[in-house]
Amino acid sequence: MPITPDTKDWTWVLTRACDACGFDPVGVERSLTSTAIRENAAAWVLVLQRDDVRTRPSEDRWSDLEYACHVRDVYRVFDERLALMLSRDDPHFANWDQDETAVKDRYDLQDPGVVARELLDAAKSYADRYDSVSEGEWTRPGTRSNGSRFTVESLAVYGLHDPFHHLWDVTRAS
């Protein structure tokens, strides 16, 4: 059984806690956004050192390596989106098909050591960009390809949930 593409609209995590992983948007402080990104990335480096990093726990679930590749790319995509929001008025974001990217980029065959370095680099760039956000920029808007509207602040919350949720995915059974 192949991985089923995720077609859910996860923007609800902006207003209520995630029943699965426990992520609660109410607890997100924008001043700690960059710290949270860096801490999450550091935890992924440890995940990528596991002996079974390439093993899928079931046919319909990604391996830890595949999840880490996805998180690396989440940090890259969200960094690009944040850069657009800070440099343009109300940008529209190109669609990103995460499932297509996983197949096209062969997440399953990537080198865990390389992924760890790339994930840390992507998280650093994203976190550094959040460190540069001025008080007046937190309300700057942007629009996702499906019409979902974000501010710099709500993008931070939305962008934190995915990496934290997937870290929960790979550590809950440990």
Protein backbone atom coordinates (compact mmCIF):
# COMPACT_ATOMS: atom_id res chain seq x y z
CA MET A 1 0.00 0.00 0.00
CA PRO A 2 1.57 3.30 -1.06
CA ILE A 3 1.63 6.46 1.01
CA THR A 4 -1.68 8.28 0.71
CA PRO A 5 -1.17 11.93 -0.26
CA ASP A 6 -2.12 14.37 2.50
CA THR A 7 -4.91 16.56 1.17
CA LYS A 8 -6.07 18.00 4.50
CA ASP A 9 -6.19 21.72 5.11
CA TRP A 10 -4.10 22.00 8.26
CA THR A 11 -4.74 25.73 8.79
CA TRP A 12 -7.01 24.82 11.71
CA VAL A 13 -3.82 24.48 13.79
CA LEU A 14 -3.80 28.27 13.91
CA THR A 15 -6.84 28.28 16.20
CA ARG A 16 -6.82 25.07 18.22
CA ALA A 17 -4.49 22.44 19.59
CA CYS A 18 -3.59 19.40 17.51
CA ASP A 19 -5.27 16.36 19.05
CA ALA A 20 -2.52 14.10 17.76
CA CYS A 21 0.76 15.81 18.69
CA GLY A 22 -0.48 18.31 21.28
CA PHE A 23 0.87 21.39 19.48
CA ASP A 24 -1.09 24.36 20.82
CA PRO A 25 -1.00 27.65 18.91
CA VAL A 26 -1.95 29.54 22.08
CA GLY A 27 1.42 28.67 23.58
CA VAL A 28 3.47 30.01 20.66
CA GLU A 29 5.28 33.23 21.50
CA ARG A 30 6.59 35.02 18.46
CA SER A 31 9.73 36.05 20.34
CA LEU A 32 10.59 32.35 20.70
CA THR A 33 9.90 31.33 17.10
CA SER A 34 13.53 31.13 16.05
CA THR A 35 14.51 29.23 19.20
CA ALA A 36 11.74 26.70 18.59
CA ILE A 37 12.89 26.19 14.99
CA ARG A 38 16.50 25.61 16.04
CA GLU A 39 15.55 23.22 18.85
CA ASN A 40 13.32 21.20 16.55
CA ALA A 41 16.08 20.94 13.94
CA ALA A 42 18.57 19.72 16.55
CA ALA A 43 16.16 16.95 17.56
CA TRP A 44 15.93 15.82 13.93
CA VAL A 45 19.71 15.38 13.78
CA LEU A 46 19.38 12.76 16.53
CA VAL A 47 16.56 11.03 14.67
CA LEU A 48 18.73 10.84 11.56
CA GLN A 49 21.41 8.93 13.50
CA ARG A 50 19.13 5.95 14.14
CA ASP A 51 20.17 2.61 12.65
CA ASP A 52 16.68 2.08 11.24
CA VAL A 53 16.31 5.59 9.78
CA ARG A 54 15.39 4.19 6.35
CA THR A 55 12.84 1.67 7.61
CA ARG A 56 9.18 2.40 7.12
CA PRO A 57 7.18 1.27 10.17
CA SER A 58 4.41 0.30 7.74
CA GLU A 59 3.89 0.50 3.99
CA ASP A 60 1.65 3.54 4.31
CA ARG A 61 3.94 5.60 6.58
CA TRP A 62 7.18 7.41 5.80
CA SER A 63 10.47 6.37 7.31
CA ASP A 64 12.24 8.71 9.73
CA LEU A 65 14.54 9.72 6.86
CA GLU A 66 11.61 10.61 4.62
CA TYR A 67 10.00 12.65 7.38
CA ALA A 68 13.32 14.46 7.98
CA CYS A 69 13.63 15.26 4.26
CA HIS A 70 10.11 16.66 4.36
CA VAL A 71 10.89 18.80 7.41
CA ARG A 72 14.05 20.11 5.73
CA ASP A 73 11.94 21.11 2.75
CA VAL A 74 9.25 22.63 4.97
CA TYR A 75 11.92 24.89 6.46
CA ARG A 76 13.14 25.81 2.98
CA VAL A 77 9.66 26.55 1.60
CA PHE A 78 8.58 28.52 4.66
CA ASP A 79 11.81 30.52 4.63
CA GLU A 80 11.10 31.44 1.00
CA ARG A 81 7.54 32.41 1.88
CA LEU A 82 8.67 34.49 4.83
CA ALA A 83 11.24 36.25 2.63
CA LEU A 84 8.49 37.08 0.14
CA MET A 85 6.23 38.42 2.88
CA LEU A 86 9.01 40.66 4.18
CA SER A 87 10.04 41.97 0.76
CA ARG A 88 6.77 42.22 -1.21
CA ASP A 89 3.31 43.51 -0.52
CA ASP A 90 0.84 40.66 -0.05
CA PRO A 91 2.64 38.00 -2.12
CA HIS A 92 0.94 34.88 -3.43
CA PHE A 93 2.84 31.66 -2.79
CA ALA A 94 3.34 29.05 -5.48
CA ASN A 95 1.76 25.68 -4.78
CA TRP A 96 4.05 23.12 -3.17
CA ASP A 97 3.03 19.50 -3.56
CA GLN A 98 4.89 17.85 -0.70
CA ASP A 99 3.99 14.32 -1.81
CA GLU A 100 5.18 14.92 -5.36
CA THR A 101 8.43 16.36 -3.98
CA ALA A 102 9.00 13.27 -1.82
CA VAL A 103 8.73 10.99 -4.84
CA LYS A 104 10.58 13.22 -7.32
CA ASP A 105 13.47 13.91 -4.93
CA ARG A 106 13.62 10.29 -3.76
CA TYR A 107 13.50 11.05 -0.06
CA ASP A 108 13.90 7.33 0.59
CA LEU A 109 17.36 7.25 -1.02
CA GLN A 110 18.89 10.38 0.45
CA ASP A 111 21.94 10.26 2.71
CA PRO A 112 20.95 10.82 6.37
CA GLY A 113 24.16 12.72 7.15
CA VAL A 114 23.62 15.09 4.23
CA VAL A 115 19.96 15.52 5.17
CA ALA A 116 20.97 16.37 8.75
CA ARG A 117 23.32 19.13 7.55
CA GLU A 118 20.78 20.45 5.05
CA LEU A 119 17.99 20.41 7.64
CA LEU A 120 20.14 22.36 10.11
CA ASP A 121 21.10 24.87 7.39
CA ALA A 122 17.47 25.32 6.30
CA ALA A 123 16.31 25.75 9.89
CA LYS A 124 19.11 28.23 10.60
CA SER A 125 18.19 30.34 7.59
CA TYR A 126 14.50 30.28 8.52
CA ALA A 127 15.19 31.03 12.20
CA ASP A 128 17.63 33.82 11.33
CA ARG A 129 14.99 35.40 9.10
CA TYR A 130 12.51 35.34 11.99
CA ASP A 131 15.16 36.95 14.18
CA SER A 132 15.22 39.83 11.69
CA VAL A 133 11.45 40.50 11.79
CA SER A 134 10.76 43.96 13.19
CA GLU A 135 7.78 44.76 15.40
CA GLY A 136 5.86 46.31 12.52
CA GLU A 137 6.40 43.37 10.15
CA TRP A 138 4.55 40.67 12.10
CA THR A 139 1.24 41.65 10.49
CA ARG A 140 2.48 41.66 6.87
CA PRO A 141 0.21 39.40 4.78
CA GLY A 142 0.69 36.65 2.22
CA THR A 143 -1.63 34.21 0.48
CA ARG A 144 -1.16 30.51 -0.17
CA SER A 145 -2.11 29.01 -3.56
CA ASN A 146 -5.37 27.64 -2.10
CA GLY A 147 -6.41 31.10 -0.90
CA SER A 148 -5.44 30.70 2.77
CA ARG A 149 -4.28 34.04 4.16
CA PHE A 150 -1.39 34.39 6.55
CA THR A 151 0.46 37.09 8.41
CA VAL A 152 4.13 36.78 9.27
CA GLU A 153 2.98 35.83 12.77
CA SER A 154 0.43 33.20 11.70
CA LEU A 155 2.94 31.76 9.22
CA ALA A 156 5.29 31.25 12.17
CA VAL A 157 2.66 29.25 14.05
CA TYR A 158 1.63 27.26 10.99
CA GLY A 159 5.26 26.66 10.06
CA LEU A 160 6.11 25.37 13.53
CA HIS A 161 3.33 22.80 13.70
CA ASP A 162 4.46 20.64 10.78
CA PRO A 163 8.05 19.96 11.97
CA PHE A 164 6.85 19.45 15.55
CA HIS A 165 4.04 17.15 14.46
CA HIS A 166 6.40 15.02 12.39
CA LEU A 167 8.94 14.86 15.22
CA TRP A 168 6.07 13.49 17.31
CA ASP A 169 5.34 11.03 14.46
CA VAL A 170 8.87 9.60 14.64
CA THR A 171 9.31 9.66 18.43
CA ARG A 172 5.91 8.60 19.76
CA ALA A 173 6.70 4.89 19.51
CA SER A 174 10.20 5.29 20.95
